[in-house]
Amino acid sequence: MTDEAGPWLVVGLGNPGREYAGNRHNVGFMVADLLAGRLGARFGRHKRAVAEVAEGRLGFGGPKLVLAKPLTYMNLSGGPVAALAQFHKIPAGRVIAVHDELDIPYGQVRIKLGGGEGGHNGLRSMSKSLGTKEYVRVRFGIGRPPGRQDPADYVLSDFGAGERKELEFLVDRAADVVESVVTKGVEATQNAYHGG
């Protein structure tokens, strides 16, 4: 499959800074880093957007991926995403947001095109800046906070010891999902990955 329709923009949502690196909210950054490693690409500051960007092709002569980690903090992620989409002439339908999802149990990855933001500030910012909700979401389940913990505190806490045992495998799976969306489409990816 060639990339005649142009590149894909894969946005890992998270917060910049070492203190956030292991947070549940930063799982999008983790997936973006893994994808960059697979492409043999390195992240660097973009000249037009407040983001770190890495570019490469998926396989020899395959589709081009523009991987992005916005550096504006989660609530303002949309600005850099819209700037990159405009710079690379990428339509919203070829934008993939990788993000943490409270409404999905830990250990599950789900894919959807469009829809609401479910209270996720990064998605809300993206929808506003892109002027549409019709982009692809790769939703990495983190589950609901235990007891009465505030969801805002929960997403900004690190993965627990038990979760970390599986984290590498799950980040790898989420990266596989992104690649599948690019090469096979949303529906085929849903059929392949929503069983488990």
N, C-alpha and C. Protein backbone atom coordinates (compact mmCIF):
# COMPACT_ATOMS: atom_id res chain seq x y z
N MET A 1 0.85 -1.19 0.00
CA MET A 1 0.00 0.00 0.00
C MET A 1 0.88 1.24 0.00
N THR A 2 0.73 2.09 -0.99
CA THR A 2 1.55 3.30 -1.04
C THR A 2 0.85 4.44 -0.33
N ASP A 3 1.58 5.55 -0.17
CA ASP A 3 0.99 6.67 0.56
C ASP A 3 0.58 7.78 -0.41
N GLU A 4 -0.04 7.40 -1.52
CA GLU A 4 -0.46 8.39 -2.51
C GLU A 4 -1.36 9.45 -1.90
N ALA A 5 -2.11 9.08 -0.87
CA ALA A 5 -3.00 10.04 -0.23
C ALA A 5 -2.26 10.94 0.75
N GLY A 6 -0.96 10.75 0.90
CA GLY A 6 -0.18 11.60 1.79
C GLY A 6 0.09 10.96 3.13
N PRO A 7 0.81 11.70 3.98
CA PRO A 7 1.23 11.14 5.27
C PRO A 7 0.11 11.08 6.30
N TRP A 8 0.39 10.40 7.37
CA TRP A 8 -0.49 10.32 8.55
C TRP A 8 0.17 11.08 9.68
N LEU A 9 -0.63 11.76 10.48
CA LEU A 9 -0.13 12.45 11.67
C LEU A 9 -0.56 11.65 12.90
N VAL A 10 0.41 11.10 13.61
CA VAL A 10 0.13 10.31 14.81
C VAL A 10 0.55 11.14 16.02
N VAL A 11 -0.44 11.50 16.83
CA VAL A 11 -0.20 12.38 17.97
C VAL A 11 -0.26 11.59 19.26
N GLY A 12 0.85 11.53 19.96
CA GLY A 12 0.85 10.94 21.31
C GLY A 12 0.53 12.06 22.29
N LEU A 13 -0.55 11.92 23.03
CA LEU A 13 -0.92 12.96 23.98
C LEU A 13 -0.26 12.71 25.33
N GLY A 14 0.22 13.78 25.95
CA GLY A 14 0.88 13.69 27.25
C GLY A 14 1.30 15.06 27.71
N ASN A 15 2.06 15.10 28.78
CA ASN A 15 2.61 16.34 29.31
C ASN A 15 4.12 16.29 29.25
N PRO A 16 4.77 17.40 28.83
CA PRO A 16 6.23 17.40 28.77
C PRO A 16 6.84 17.49 30.17
N GLY A 17 8.06 17.03 30.30
CA GLY A 17 8.76 17.13 31.58
C GLY A 17 8.93 15.79 32.24
N ARG A 18 10.09 15.63 32.87
CA ARG A 18 10.45 14.35 33.48
C ARG A 18 9.48 13.92 34.57
N GLU A 19 8.91 14.90 35.30
CA GLU A 19 8.03 14.55 36.42
C GLU A 19 6.74 13.90 35.96
N TYR A 20 6.38 14.04 34.67
CA TYR A 20 5.15 13.44 34.14
C TYR A 20 5.39 12.15 33.37
N ALA A 21 6.67 11.83 33.13
CA ALA A 21 7.01 10.78 32.17
C ALA A 21 6.31 9.45 32.42
N GLY A 22 6.17 9.03 33.68
CA GLY A 22 5.57 7.73 33.98
C GLY A 22 4.08 7.77 34.28
N ASN A 23 3.47 8.96 34.13
CA ASN A 23 2.04 9.12 34.44
C ASN A 23 1.14 8.34 33.49
N ARG A 24 -0.02 7.94 33.99
CA ARG A 24 -1.02 7.30 33.13
C ARG A 24 -1.40 8.23 31.97
N HIS A 25 -1.45 9.53 32.26
CA HIS A 25 -1.83 10.53 31.25
C HIS A 25 -0.81 10.61 30.11
N ASN A 26 0.37 10.05 30.31
CA ASN A 26 1.44 10.18 29.32
C ASN A 26 1.63 8.94 28.45
N VAL A 27 0.66 8.06 28.47
CA VAL A 27 0.82 6.82 27.72
C VAL A 27 0.92 7.11 26.21
N GLY A 28 0.31 8.20 25.76
CA GLY A 28 0.43 8.58 24.35
C GLY A 28 1.86 8.87 23.96
N PHE A 29 2.61 9.55 24.84
CA PHE A 29 4.03 9.81 24.60
C PHE A 29 4.79 8.50 24.52
N MET A 30 4.46 7.55 25.41
CA MET A 30 5.15 6.26 25.43
C MET A 30 4.97 5.52 24.11
N VAL A 31 3.75 5.54 23.57
CA VAL A 31 3.47 4.87 22.29
C VAL A 31 4.19 5.58 21.16
N ALA A 32 4.19 6.91 21.17
CA ALA A 32 4.89 7.68 20.13
C ALA A 32 6.39 7.37 20.14
N ASP A 33 6.97 7.28 21.34
CA ASP A 33 8.40 6.95 21.46
C ASP A 33 8.70 5.58 20.88
N LEU A 34 7.84 4.62 21.18
CA LEU A 34 8.04 3.26 20.66
C LEU A 34 7.93 3.24 19.13
N LEU A 35 6.94 3.94 18.60
CA LEU A 35 6.77 4.00 17.14
C LEU A 35 7.99 4.65 16.47
N ALA A 36 8.51 5.70 17.08
CA ALA A 36 9.71 6.35 16.53
C ALA A 36 10.87 5.36 16.48
N GLY A 37 11.01 4.56 17.55
CA GLY A 37 12.05 3.54 17.58
C GLY A 37 11.88 2.53 16.45
N ARG A 38 10.63 2.13 16.21
CA ARG A 38 10.36 1.18 15.14
C ARG A 38 10.70 1.76 13.76
N LEU A 39 10.48 3.07 13.61
CA LEU A 39 10.75 3.71 12.32
C LEU A 39 12.22 4.09 12.17
N GLY A 40 12.98 3.96 13.25
CA GLY A 40 14.37 4.41 13.23
C GLY A 40 14.45 5.92 13.14
N ALA A 41 13.46 6.60 13.71
CA ALA A 41 13.39 8.07 13.64
C ALA A 41 13.66 8.67 15.01
N ARG A 42 14.13 9.91 15.02
CA ARG A 42 14.41 10.61 16.28
C ARG A 42 13.53 11.84 16.39
N PHE A 43 13.11 12.13 17.62
CA PHE A 43 12.31 13.32 17.86
C PHE A 43 13.18 14.56 17.91
N GLY A 44 12.68 15.64 17.31
CA GLY A 44 13.34 16.94 17.38
C GLY A 44 12.28 18.03 17.40
N ARG A 45 12.66 19.22 17.82
CA ARG A 45 11.71 20.34 17.88
C ARG A 45 11.28 20.74 16.46
N HIS A 46 9.98 20.95 16.28
CA HIS A 46 9.45 21.37 14.99
C HIS A 46 9.57 22.88 14.85
N LYS A 47 9.81 23.35 13.61
CA LYS A 47 10.04 24.79 13.43
C LYS A 47 8.75 25.61 13.48
N ARG A 48 7.60 24.98 13.21
CA ARG A 48 6.34 25.73 13.15
C ARG A 48 5.37 25.41 14.29
N ALA A 49 5.60 24.32 14.98
CA ALA A 49 4.65 23.88 16.01
C ALA A 49 5.38 23.63 17.32
N VAL A 50 4.71 23.90 18.43
CA VAL A 50 5.28 23.64 19.74
C VAL A 50 5.14 22.15 20.03
N ALA A 51 6.02 21.38 19.40
CA ALA A 51 5.93 19.92 19.50
C ALA A 51 7.28 19.33 19.14
N GLU A 52 7.50 18.12 19.64
CA GLU A 52 8.61 17.31 19.16
C GLU A 52 8.05 16.41 18.07
N VAL A 53 8.78 16.29 16.98
CA VAL A 53 8.29 15.54 15.82
C VAL A 53 9.36 14.58 15.33
N ALA A 54 8.92 13.40 14.90
CA ALA A 54 9.79 12.42 14.26
C ALA A 54 9.06 11.93 13.01
N GLU A 55 9.80 11.73 11.93
CA GLU A 55 9.17 11.29 10.67
C GLU A 55 9.87 10.06 10.14
N GLY A 56 9.07 9.20 9.51
CA GLY A 56 9.64 8.02 8.89
C GLY A 56 8.57 7.26 8.12
N ARG A 57 9.02 6.22 7.43
CA ARG A 57 8.07 5.40 6.66
C ARG A 57 7.84 4.07 7.36
N LEU A 58 6.62 3.59 7.22
CA LEU A 58 6.22 2.32 7.81
C LEU A 58 6.60 1.22 6.82
N GLY A 59 7.74 0.59 7.04
CA GLY A 59 8.20 -0.40 6.09
C GLY A 59 8.82 0.27 4.87
N PHE A 60 9.49 -0.51 4.04
CA PHE A 60 10.18 0.04 2.87
C PHE A 60 9.16 0.60 1.88
N GLY A 61 9.23 1.89 1.62
CA GLY A 61 8.31 2.52 0.67
C GLY A 61 6.88 2.62 1.16
N GLY A 62 6.68 2.35 2.44
CA GLY A 62 5.32 2.37 3.00
C GLY A 62 4.84 3.78 3.31
N PRO A 63 3.68 3.87 3.94
CA PRO A 63 3.11 5.18 4.26
C PRO A 63 4.03 5.98 5.18
N LYS A 64 4.04 7.30 4.96
CA LYS A 64 4.84 8.18 5.80
C LYS A 64 4.07 8.52 7.06
N LEU A 65 4.77 8.44 8.20
CA LEU A 65 4.18 8.83 9.47
C LEU A 65 4.90 10.06 10.00
N VAL A 66 4.12 11.03 10.46
CA VAL A 66 4.63 12.18 11.19
C VAL A 66 4.20 11.95 12.63
N LEU A 67 5.14 11.62 13.50
CA LEU A 67 4.84 11.36 14.91
C LEU A 67 5.04 12.66 15.69
N ALA A 68 4.09 12.98 16.55
CA ALA A 68 4.16 14.24 17.28
C ALA A 68 3.88 14.07 18.76
N LYS A 69 4.66 14.80 19.57
CA LYS A 69 4.40 14.92 21.01
C LYS A 69 4.27 16.41 21.31
N PRO A 70 3.03 16.92 21.45
CA PRO A 70 2.86 18.34 21.76
C PRO A 70 3.54 18.71 23.07
N LEU A 71 4.16 19.89 23.12
CA LEU A 71 4.91 20.31 24.30
C LEU A 71 4.18 21.42 25.08
N THR A 72 2.89 21.53 24.85
CA THR A 72 2.11 22.63 25.44
C THR A 72 1.37 22.24 26.71
N TYR A 73 1.52 21.02 27.16
CA TYR A 73 0.67 20.43 28.21
C TYR A 73 -0.65 20.04 27.59
N MET A 74 -1.22 19.02 28.19
CA MET A 74 -2.39 18.33 27.65
C MET A 74 -3.53 19.26 27.21
N ASN A 75 -3.90 20.21 28.06
CA ASN A 75 -5.08 21.04 27.80
C ASN A 75 -4.96 21.91 26.56
N LEU A 76 -3.74 22.11 26.07
CA LEU A 76 -3.53 22.98 24.90
C LEU A 76 -2.93 22.19 23.72
N SER A 77 -3.10 20.89 23.73
CA SER A 77 -2.50 20.03 22.68
C SER A 77 -2.97 20.38 21.28
N GLY A 78 -4.19 20.90 21.15
CA GLY A 78 -4.78 21.12 19.84
C GLY A 78 -4.02 22.09 18.96
N GLY A 79 -3.46 23.14 19.55
CA GLY A 79 -2.74 24.14 18.76
C GLY A 79 -1.61 23.54 17.94
N PRO A 80 -0.67 22.82 18.59
CA PRO A 80 0.41 22.18 17.85
C PRO A 80 -0.09 21.16 16.83
N VAL A 81 -1.15 20.41 17.19
CA VAL A 81 -1.68 19.39 16.27
C VAL A 81 -2.22 20.06 15.00
N ALA A 82 -3.01 21.12 15.17
CA ALA A 82 -3.56 21.83 14.01
C ALA A 82 -2.45 22.44 13.16
N ALA A 83 -1.41 22.98 13.83
CA ALA A 83 -0.28 23.57 13.09
C ALA A 83 0.44 22.52 12.27
N LEU A 84 0.64 21.33 12.84
CA LEU A 84 1.32 20.25 12.11
C LEU A 84 0.46 19.73 10.96
N ALA A 85 -0.84 19.58 11.21
CA ALA A 85 -1.75 19.11 10.15
C ALA A 85 -1.73 20.08 8.97
N GLN A 86 -1.72 21.36 9.29
CA GLN A 86 -1.69 22.39 8.24
C GLN A 86 -0.35 22.37 7.51
N PHE A 87 0.73 22.32 8.27
CA PHE A 87 2.08 22.34 7.70
C PHE A 87 2.30 21.17 6.74
N HIS A 88 1.84 19.98 7.14
CA HIS A 88 2.05 18.77 6.32
C HIS A 88 0.86 18.46 5.40
N LYS A 89 -0.14 19.34 5.41
CA LYS A 89 -1.35 19.16 4.57
C LYS A 89 -2.01 17.80 4.82
N ILE A 90 -2.25 17.52 6.09
CA ILE A 90 -2.85 16.24 6.50
C ILE A 90 -4.29 16.50 6.93
N PRO A 91 -5.26 15.87 6.27
CA PRO A 91 -6.66 16.06 6.68
C PRO A 91 -6.95 15.36 8.01
N ALA A 92 -7.99 15.81 8.69
CA ALA A 92 -8.32 15.27 10.02
C ALA A 92 -8.52 13.76 10.01
N GLY A 93 -9.04 13.22 8.93
CA GLY A 93 -9.28 11.78 8.83
C GLY A 93 -8.01 10.95 8.83
N ARG A 94 -6.85 11.61 8.66
CA ARG A 94 -5.56 10.91 8.70
C ARG A 94 -4.75 11.32 9.93
N VAL A 95 -5.46 11.87 10.92
CA VAL A 95 -4.85 12.20 12.20
C VAL A 95 -5.26 11.13 13.21
N ILE A 96 -4.28 10.58 13.92
CA ILE A 96 -4.54 9.56 14.94
C ILE A 96 -4.06 10.10 16.29
N ALA A 97 -4.98 10.21 17.25
CA ALA A 97 -4.61 10.61 18.60
C ALA A 97 -4.49 9.37 19.47
N VAL A 98 -3.36 9.22 20.14
CA VAL A 98 -3.15 8.10 21.07
C VAL A 98 -3.24 8.67 22.47
N HIS A 99 -4.19 8.17 23.27
CA HIS A 99 -4.44 8.79 24.57
C HIS A 99 -4.91 7.78 25.61
N ASP A 100 -4.79 8.18 26.87
CA ASP A 100 -5.29 7.38 27.98
C ASP A 100 -6.81 7.50 28.03
N GLU A 101 -7.47 6.45 28.50
CA GLU A 101 -8.94 6.43 28.52
C GLU A 101 -9.45 5.82 29.82
N LEU A 102 -10.09 6.65 30.65
CA LEU A 102 -10.63 6.21 31.94
C LEU A 102 -11.76 5.20 31.79
N ASP A 103 -12.53 5.31 30.71
CA ASP A 103 -13.73 4.49 30.55
C ASP A 103 -13.46 3.09 29.98
N ILE A 104 -12.20 2.76 29.81
CA ILE A 104 -11.83 1.44 29.30
C ILE A 104 -10.91 0.79 30.35
N PRO A 105 -11.16 -0.48 30.69
CA PRO A 105 -10.33 -1.14 31.70
C PRO A 105 -8.86 -1.22 31.27
N TYR A 106 -7.98 -1.19 32.26
CA TYR A 106 -6.55 -1.34 31.98
C TYR A 106 -6.31 -2.67 31.26
N GLY A 107 -5.47 -2.62 30.25
CA GLY A 107 -5.16 -3.84 29.50
C GLY A 107 -5.90 -3.92 28.18
N GLN A 108 -6.80 -2.97 27.93
CA GLN A 108 -7.53 -2.97 26.66
C GLN A 108 -7.19 -1.72 25.84
N VAL A 109 -7.12 -1.92 24.54
CA VAL A 109 -6.89 -0.81 23.60
C VAL A 109 -8.06 -0.81 22.63
N ARG A 110 -8.66 0.33 22.43
CA ARG A 110 -9.82 0.45 21.54
C ARG A 110 -9.57 1.52 20.49
N ILE A 111 -10.23 1.37 19.35
CA ILE A 111 -10.07 2.31 18.24
C ILE A 111 -11.44 2.87 17.89
N LYS A 112 -11.49 4.17 17.64
CA LYS A 112 -12.73 4.72 17.10
C LYS A 112 -12.43 5.94 16.25
N LEU A 113 -13.34 6.22 15.34
CA LEU A 113 -13.24 7.41 14.49
C LEU A 113 -14.31 8.38 14.94
N GLY A 114 -13.89 9.59 15.30
CA GLY A 114 -14.85 10.61 15.72
C GLY A 114 -15.46 10.31 17.07
N GLY A 115 -16.55 11.03 17.36
CA GLY A 115 -17.24 10.85 18.64
C GLY A 115 -16.85 11.91 19.64
N GLY A 116 -17.34 11.73 20.87
CA GLY A 116 -17.08 12.71 21.92
C GLY A 116 -15.68 12.58 22.49
N GLU A 117 -15.40 13.48 23.45
CA GLU A 117 -14.07 13.48 24.06
C GLU A 117 -14.05 12.81 25.42
N GLY A 118 -15.22 12.48 25.97
CA GLY A 118 -15.28 11.79 27.27
C GLY A 118 -14.57 12.53 28.38
N GLY A 119 -14.60 13.86 28.35
CA GLY A 119 -13.96 14.63 29.40
C GLY A 119 -12.45 14.71 29.29
N HIS A 120 -11.87 14.21 28.20
CA HIS A 120 -10.41 14.24 28.01
C HIS A 120 -10.01 15.59 27.44
N ASN A 121 -9.26 16.36 28.23
CA ASN A 121 -8.92 17.73 27.82
C ASN A 121 -8.04 17.80 26.58
N GLY A 122 -7.18 16.80 26.40
CA GLY A 122 -6.33 16.79 25.20
C GLY A 122 -7.17 16.62 23.94
N LEU A 123 -8.14 15.70 24.00
CA LEU A 123 -9.03 15.50 22.85
C LEU A 123 -9.91 16.72 22.61
N ARG A 124 -10.40 17.32 23.70
CA ARG A 124 -11.26 18.50 23.57
C ARG A 124 -10.50 19.63 22.86
N SER A 125 -9.24 19.81 23.24
CA SER A 125 -8.40 20.83 22.62
C SER A 125 -8.15 20.51 21.14
N MET A 126 -7.91 19.23 20.85
CA MET A 126 -7.69 18.83 19.45
C MET A 126 -8.93 19.09 18.59
N SER A 127 -10.09 18.69 19.09
CA SER A 127 -11.34 18.87 18.33
C SER A 127 -11.59 20.34 18.04
N LYS A 128 -11.34 21.16 19.04
CA LYS A 128 -11.55 22.61 18.89
C LYS A 128 -10.58 23.18 17.84
N SER A 129 -9.31 22.84 17.96
CA SER A 129 -8.30 23.40 17.05
C SER A 129 -8.41 22.86 15.63
N LEU A 130 -8.78 21.59 15.50
CA LEU A 130 -8.94 21.00 14.16
C LEU A 130 -10.28 21.39 13.53
N GLY A 131 -11.23 21.84 14.37
CA GLY A 131 -12.55 22.23 13.86
C GLY A 131 -13.42 21.03 13.52
N THR A 132 -13.04 19.85 14.02
CA THR A 132 -13.81 18.64 13.76
C THR A 132 -13.46 17.59 14.81
N LYS A 133 -14.37 16.64 15.00
CA LYS A 133 -14.10 15.49 15.88
C LYS A 133 -13.79 14.25 15.05
N GLU A 134 -13.76 14.41 13.73
CA GLU A 134 -13.62 13.25 12.83
C GLU A 134 -12.16 12.88 12.60
N TYR A 135 -11.48 12.54 13.69
CA TYR A 135 -10.13 12.00 13.58
C TYR A 135 -10.13 10.67 14.36
N VAL A 136 -9.10 9.89 14.15
CA VAL A 136 -9.03 8.55 14.75
C VAL A 136 -8.48 8.65 16.17
N ARG A 137 -9.07 7.87 17.07
CA ARG A 137 -8.56 7.81 18.44
C ARG A 137 -8.13 6.38 18.75
N VAL A 138 -6.91 6.22 19.23
CA VAL A 138 -6.44 4.95 19.76
C VAL A 138 -6.47 5.14 21.27
N ARG A 139 -7.43 4.45 21.91
CA ARG A 139 -7.77 4.69 23.31
C ARG A 139 -7.14 3.61 24.18
N PHE A 140 -6.19 4.02 24.99
CA PHE A 140 -5.44 3.11 25.85
C PHE A 140 -6.12 3.08 27.21
N GLY A 141 -6.74 1.96 27.54
CA GLY A 141 -7.50 1.87 28.79
C GLY A 141 -6.63 1.97 30.02
N ILE A 142 -7.01 2.88 30.93
CA ILE A 142 -6.31 2.97 32.22
C ILE A 142 -7.26 2.66 33.38
N GLY A 143 -8.54 2.47 33.04
CA GLY A 143 -9.51 2.13 34.08
C GLY A 143 -9.85 3.32 34.97
N ARG A 144 -10.79 3.10 35.84
CA ARG A 144 -11.24 4.15 36.77
C ARG A 144 -10.39 4.17 38.03
N PRO A 145 -10.26 5.35 38.66
CA PRO A 145 -9.47 5.41 39.89
C PRO A 145 -10.09 4.57 41.00
N PRO A 146 -9.25 4.03 41.88
CA PRO A 146 -9.79 3.22 42.98
C PRO A 146 -10.46 4.11 44.03
N GLY A 147 -11.47 3.57 44.68
CA GLY A 147 -12.13 4.28 45.77
C GLY A 147 -12.67 5.63 45.33
N ARG A 148 -12.35 6.66 46.12
CA ARG A 148 -12.88 7.98 45.84
C ARG A 148 -11.82 8.92 45.27
N GLN A 149 -10.74 8.34 44.75
CA GLN A 149 -9.67 9.18 44.21
C GLN A 149 -10.18 10.03 43.05
N ASP A 150 -9.79 11.29 43.05
CA ASP A 150 -10.18 12.22 41.99
C ASP A 150 -9.55 11.75 40.67
N PRO A 151 -10.36 11.62 39.60
CA PRO A 151 -9.81 11.21 38.31
C PRO A 151 -8.65 12.10 37.85
N ALA A 152 -8.71 13.40 38.16
CA ALA A 152 -7.63 14.31 37.75
C ALA A 152 -6.31 13.93 38.43
N ASP A 153 -6.37 13.50 39.69
CA ASP A 153 -5.16 13.06 40.39
C ASP A 153 -4.70 11.70 39.87
N TYR A 154 -5.68 10.86 39.58
CA TYR A 154 -5.39 9.50 39.11
C TYR A 154 -4.61 9.51 37.79
N VAL A 155 -5.06 10.32 36.83
CA VAL A 155 -4.38 10.31 35.52
C VAL A 155 -2.96 10.89 35.62
N LEU A 156 -2.74 11.74 36.63
CA LEU A 156 -1.40 12.33 36.81
C LEU A 156 -0.54 11.54 37.78
N SER A 157 -0.98 10.33 38.12
CA SER A 157 -0.16 9.44 38.95
C SER A 157 0.49 8.40 38.05
N ASP A 158 1.59 7.83 38.53
CA ASP A 158 2.29 6.81 37.75
C ASP A 158 1.52 5.48 37.78
N PHE A 159 1.80 4.65 36.78
CA PHE A 159 1.23 3.31 36.78
C PHE A 159 1.72 2.56 38.01
N GLY A 160 0.83 1.74 38.59
CA GLY A 160 1.19 0.95 39.76
C GLY A 160 2.13 -0.20 39.40
N ALA A 161 2.70 -0.81 40.44
CA ALA A 161 3.68 -1.89 40.22
C ALA A 161 3.08 -3.03 39.41
N GLY A 162 1.85 -3.43 39.74
CA GLY A 162 1.18 -4.51 39.01
C GLY A 162 0.95 -4.15 37.56
N GLU A 163 0.55 -2.90 37.33
CA GLU A 163 0.30 -2.44 35.94
C GLU A 163 1.60 -2.39 35.14
N ARG A 164 2.68 -1.98 35.80
CA ARG A 164 3.95 -1.83 35.07
C ARG A 164 4.45 -3.16 34.51
N LYS A 165 4.05 -4.27 35.14
CA LYS A 165 4.46 -5.59 34.63
C LYS A 165 3.94 -5.80 33.21
N GLU A 166 2.78 -5.25 32.91
CA GLU A 166 2.15 -5.42 31.59
C GLU A 166 2.36 -4.23 30.66
N LEU A 167 2.84 -3.13 31.22
CA LEU A 167 2.83 -1.87 30.47
C LEU A 167 3.58 -1.94 29.14
N GLU A 168 4.77 -2.54 29.18
CA GLU A 168 5.57 -2.61 27.95
C GLU A 168 4.82 -3.35 26.85
N PHE A 169 4.20 -4.47 27.22
CA PHE A 169 3.42 -5.26 26.26
C PHE A 169 2.25 -4.44 25.71
N LEU A 170 1.57 -3.70 26.58
CA LEU A 170 0.38 -2.94 26.16
C LEU A 170 0.75 -1.75 25.28
N VAL A 171 1.86 -1.09 25.60
CA VAL A 171 2.34 0.01 24.75
C VAL A 171 2.69 -0.54 23.37
N ASP A 172 3.32 -1.71 23.35
CA ASP A 172 3.66 -2.39 22.10
C ASP A 172 2.39 -2.69 21.29
N ARG A 173 1.37 -3.18 21.99
CA ARG A 173 0.09 -3.49 21.33
C ARG A 173 -0.56 -2.23 20.76
N ALA A 174 -0.51 -1.14 21.52
CA ALA A 174 -1.09 0.12 21.04
C ALA A 174 -0.35 0.62 19.80
N ALA A 175 0.97 0.43 19.77
CA ALA A 175 1.75 0.81 18.58
C ALA A 175 1.35 -0.06 17.39
N ASP A 176 1.13 -1.36 17.63
CA ASP A 176 0.64 -2.25 16.56
C ASP A 176 -0.70 -1.76 16.02
N VAL A 177 -1.57 -1.31 16.93
CA VAL A 177 -2.89 -0.81 16.54
C VAL A 177 -2.75 0.41 15.63
N VAL A 178 -1.87 1.33 15.99
CA VAL A 178 -1.64 2.51 15.15
C VAL A 178 -1.20 2.08 13.76
N GLU A 179 -0.23 1.18 13.69
CA GLU A 179 0.27 0.72 12.39
C GLU A 179 -0.84 0.06 11.58
N SER A 180 -1.70 -0.70 12.26
CA SER A 180 -2.81 -1.37 11.59
C SER A 180 -3.82 -0.37 11.02
N VAL A 181 -4.11 0.69 11.78
CA VAL A 181 -5.03 1.72 11.28
C VAL A 181 -4.48 2.33 10.00
N VAL A 182 -3.18 2.60 9.98
CA VAL A 182 -2.54 3.23 8.81
C VAL A 182 -2.57 2.29 7.60
N THR A 183 -2.27 1.02 7.83
CA THR A 183 -2.13 0.09 6.70
C THR A 183 -3.42 -0.61 6.30
N LYS A 184 -4.33 -0.83 7.28
CA LYS A 184 -5.54 -1.62 6.98
C LYS A 184 -6.84 -0.86 7.16
N GLY A 185 -6.78 0.28 7.85
CA GLY A 185 -8.00 1.06 8.08
C GLY A 185 -8.61 0.82 9.45
N VAL A 186 -9.53 1.70 9.83
CA VAL A 186 -10.13 1.65 11.17
C VAL A 186 -10.97 0.40 11.37
N GLU A 187 -11.83 0.09 10.40
CA GLU A 187 -12.76 -1.02 10.58
C GLU A 187 -12.05 -2.36 10.72
N ALA A 188 -11.09 -2.60 9.84
CA ALA A 188 -10.34 -3.87 9.91
C ALA A 188 -9.57 -3.97 11.21
N THR A 189 -9.06 -2.85 11.69
CA THR A 189 -8.31 -2.83 12.96
C THR A 189 -9.26 -3.10 14.13
N GLN A 190 -10.42 -2.50 14.11
CA GLN A 190 -11.42 -2.78 15.15
C GLN A 190 -11.76 -4.28 15.18
N ASN A 191 -11.97 -4.84 14.02
CA ASN A 191 -12.31 -6.27 13.93
C ASN A 191 -11.18 -7.14 14.50
N ALA A 192 -9.94 -6.73 14.25
CA ALA A 192 -8.80 -7.53 14.68
C ALA A 192 -8.52 -7.39 16.17
N TYR A 193 -8.71 -6.17 16.72
CA TYR A 193 -8.24 -5.92 18.09
C TYR A 193 -9.34 -5.82 19.14
N HIS A 194 -10.59 -5.66 18.75
CA HIS A 194 -11.63 -5.47 19.75
C HIS A 194 -12.13 -6.77 20.37
N GLY A 195 -11.60 -7.89 19.90
CA GLY A 195 -12.00 -9.16 20.47
C GLY A 195 -11.40 -9.36 21.87
N GLY A 196 -10.17 -8.79 22.08
CA GLY A 196 -9.47 -9.06 23.33
C GLY A 196 -9.50 -7.92 24.29
